Protein backbone atom coordinates (compact mmCIF):
# COMPACT_ATOMS: atom_id res chain seq x y z
CA UNK A 1 -8.03 64.50 -179.96
CA UNK A 2 -9.88 66.71 -177.62
CA UNK A 3 -9.69 65.24 -173.92
CA UNK A 4 -12.97 65.06 -172.36
CA UNK A 5 -12.82 66.92 -168.91
CA UNK A 6 -13.39 64.03 -166.07
CA UNK A 7 -16.77 64.91 -164.12
CA UNK A 8 -16.04 64.79 -160.14
CA UNK A 9 -19.19 66.82 -159.04
CA UNK A 10 -20.59 65.17 -155.91
CA UNK A 11 -24.29 64.65 -158.17
CA UNK A 12 -22.42 63.18 -160.97
CA UNK A 13 -20.26 60.49 -158.76
CA UNK A 14 -23.48 59.60 -156.77
CA UNK A 15 -25.46 59.05 -159.98
CA UNK A 16 -23.16 57.26 -161.42
CA UNK A 17 -22.36 54.62 -158.14
CA UNK A 18 -26.19 54.69 -157.66
CA UNK A 19 -26.66 53.57 -161.55
CA UNK A 20 -23.90 50.57 -160.93
CA UNK A 21 -25.46 49.45 -157.48
CA UNK A 22 -28.91 49.57 -159.10
CA UNK A 23 -27.96 47.47 -161.94
CA UNK A 24 -25.89 45.14 -159.93
CA UNK A 25 -28.79 44.57 -157.52
CA UNK A 26 -31.47 44.01 -160.18
CA UNK A 27 -29.49 41.26 -161.88
CA UNK A 28 -28.51 39.92 -157.83
CA UNK A 29 -32.14 39.97 -157.27
CA UNK A 30 -33.97 38.74 -160.53
CA UNK A 31 -33.78 35.06 -159.36
CA UNK A 32 -35.66 36.12 -156.29
CA UNK A 33 -38.37 37.43 -158.64
CA UNK A 34 -38.67 41.38 -156.77
CA UNK A 35 -37.41 44.56 -157.71
CA UNK A 36 -35.55 46.61 -155.65
CA UNK A 37 -38.47 48.97 -154.92
CA UNK A 38 -40.38 45.83 -153.76
CA UNK A 39 -37.48 44.64 -151.82
CA UNK A 40 -37.32 48.17 -149.84
CA UNK A 41 -40.81 48.23 -149.24
CA UNK A 42 -41.32 44.61 -147.60
CA UNK A 43 -38.53 45.92 -145.43
CA UNK A 44 -40.48 48.84 -144.32
CA UNK A 45 -43.78 46.81 -143.90
CA UNK A 46 -41.12 44.41 -141.83
CA UNK A 47 -40.18 47.05 -139.27
CA UNK A 48 -43.62 48.68 -139.44
CA UNK A 49 -46.65 46.87 -140.74
CA UNK A 50 -49.80 48.71 -141.55
CA UNK A 51 -48.26 51.74 -143.44
CA UNK A 52 -50.79 53.83 -145.05
CA UNK A 53 -50.06 54.70 -149.24
CA UNK A 54 -48.97 57.57 -148.07
CA UNK A 55 -46.56 56.47 -145.98
CA UNK A 56 -45.05 54.19 -147.92
CA UNK A 57 -44.57 56.64 -151.00
CA UNK A 58 -42.67 59.48 -148.58
CA UNK A 59 -40.72 56.32 -147.21
CA UNK A 60 -39.76 55.35 -150.74
CA UNK A 61 -39.51 58.92 -152.14
CA UNK A 62 -41.99 57.98 -155.09
CA UNK A 63 -45.04 59.75 -155.77
CA UNK A 64 -48.14 58.09 -155.06
CA UNK A 65 -49.83 56.47 -158.06
CA UNK A 66 -46.47 55.07 -158.45
CA UNK A 67 -46.84 53.46 -154.97
CA UNK A 68 -50.03 52.33 -156.00
CA UNK A 69 -49.05 50.38 -159.11
CA UNK A 70 -46.05 48.69 -157.40
CA UNK A 71 -48.47 47.77 -154.71
CA UNK A 72 -50.92 46.44 -156.98
CA UNK A 73 -48.44 44.22 -158.18
CA UNK A 74 -47.24 43.29 -155.01
CA UNK A 75 -50.78 42.31 -153.86
CA UNK A 76 -51.06 40.21 -157.04
CA UNK A 77 -47.67 38.21 -156.51
CA UNK A 78 -48.92 37.81 -152.59
CA UNK A 79 -46.34 39.89 -151.23
CA UNK A 80 -48.46 42.15 -149.15
CA UNK A 81 -51.92 42.80 -149.00
CA UNK A 82 -54.22 45.38 -148.13
CA UNK A 83 -56.66 46.26 -145.07
CA UNK A 84 -59.48 48.62 -144.43
CA UNK A 85 -57.81 51.45 -141.59
CA UNK A 86 -59.54 50.66 -138.46
CA UNK A 87 -61.47 53.95 -137.98
CA UNK A 88 -61.15 55.64 -141.75
CA UNK A 89 -62.80 53.32 -144.26
CA UNK A 90 -61.70 55.32 -146.85
CA UNK A 91 -58.19 54.64 -146.56
CA UNK A 92 -56.27 51.43 -146.32
CA UNK A 93 -53.20 50.10 -144.87
CA UNK A 94 -50.46 47.86 -146.21
CA UNK A 95 -49.33 44.48 -144.73
CA UNK A 96 -46.61 42.11 -145.73
CA UNK A 97 -47.48 38.33 -146.70
CA UNK A 98 -45.65 35.64 -145.02
CA UNK A 99 -44.57 34.64 -148.69
CA UNK A 100 -43.71 38.62 -148.81
CA UNK A 101 -41.49 38.39 -145.34
CA UNK A 102 -39.73 35.21 -147.28
CA UNK A 103 -38.55 36.96 -149.95
CA UNK A 104 -37.34 40.39 -148.44
CA UNK A 105 -35.26 37.54 -146.14
CA UNK A 106 -33.67 36.16 -149.43
CA UNK A 107 -33.51 39.58 -151.22
CA UNK A 108 -32.11 40.92 -147.69
CA UNK A 109 -29.32 38.26 -147.88
CA UNK A 110 -28.24 39.37 -151.66
CA UNK A 111 -28.22 42.43 -150.81
CA UNK A 112 -25.57 42.09 -147.89
CA UNK A 113 -23.46 40.00 -149.68
CA UNK A 114 -23.12 42.43 -152.48
CA UNK A 115 -22.50 45.34 -149.84
CA UNK A 116 -19.54 42.78 -148.32
CA UNK A 117 -18.41 42.33 -151.54
CA UNK A 118 -17.98 46.53 -151.64
CA UNK A 119 -16.46 46.23 -148.24
CA UNK A 120 -13.93 44.19 -149.46
CA UNK A 121 -12.89 46.36 -152.37
CA UNK A 122 -13.28 50.38 -150.25
CA UNK A 123 -13.43 49.40 -146.88
CA UNK A 124 -15.77 49.89 -144.03
CA UNK A 125 -19.14 51.13 -145.43
CA UNK A 126 -20.19 52.60 -142.10
CA UNK A 127 -19.18 56.18 -142.58
CA UNK A 128 -20.63 56.17 -146.11
CA UNK A 129 -23.80 55.01 -144.62
CA UNK A 130 -24.30 57.68 -142.42
CA UNK A 131 -22.95 60.24 -144.60
CA UNK A 132 -25.76 59.36 -147.60
CA UNK A 133 -28.40 58.95 -144.65
CA UNK A 134 -27.33 62.47 -143.91
CA UNK A 135 -27.89 63.76 -147.28
CA UNK A 136 -31.08 61.71 -148.14
CA UNK A 137 -33.07 63.78 -145.03
CA UNK A 138 -35.34 66.71 -145.60
CA UNK A 139 -33.04 69.91 -145.09
């Protein structure tokens, strides 16, 4: 029997950890009724309401058609709303609804509890978060 060589490249480890965390968070967010991308988008809109679709796509590292589809769903679920740009009527700005902000806070508490459970297993996540932020920056 041939033994499979363990893959410990950073890309492989990050991908594996990402898949596991996404799976856990997806299950945990199911009762709230929003996806991870919706939660993330609502967090962006909470911090800075009135974002353009392009800036949201950049923040999520998703293409514009994907964000447009996600936003269509969020508008129909009353999580966000579109408003014409004040000086350029061809553009729209996105704002969270009260319902969206309430669901964001609920989802945020769930995510925080998952992080707390991780910290109990592996220790302080601050250095890991900082390293991941640095890795995710352009450059």
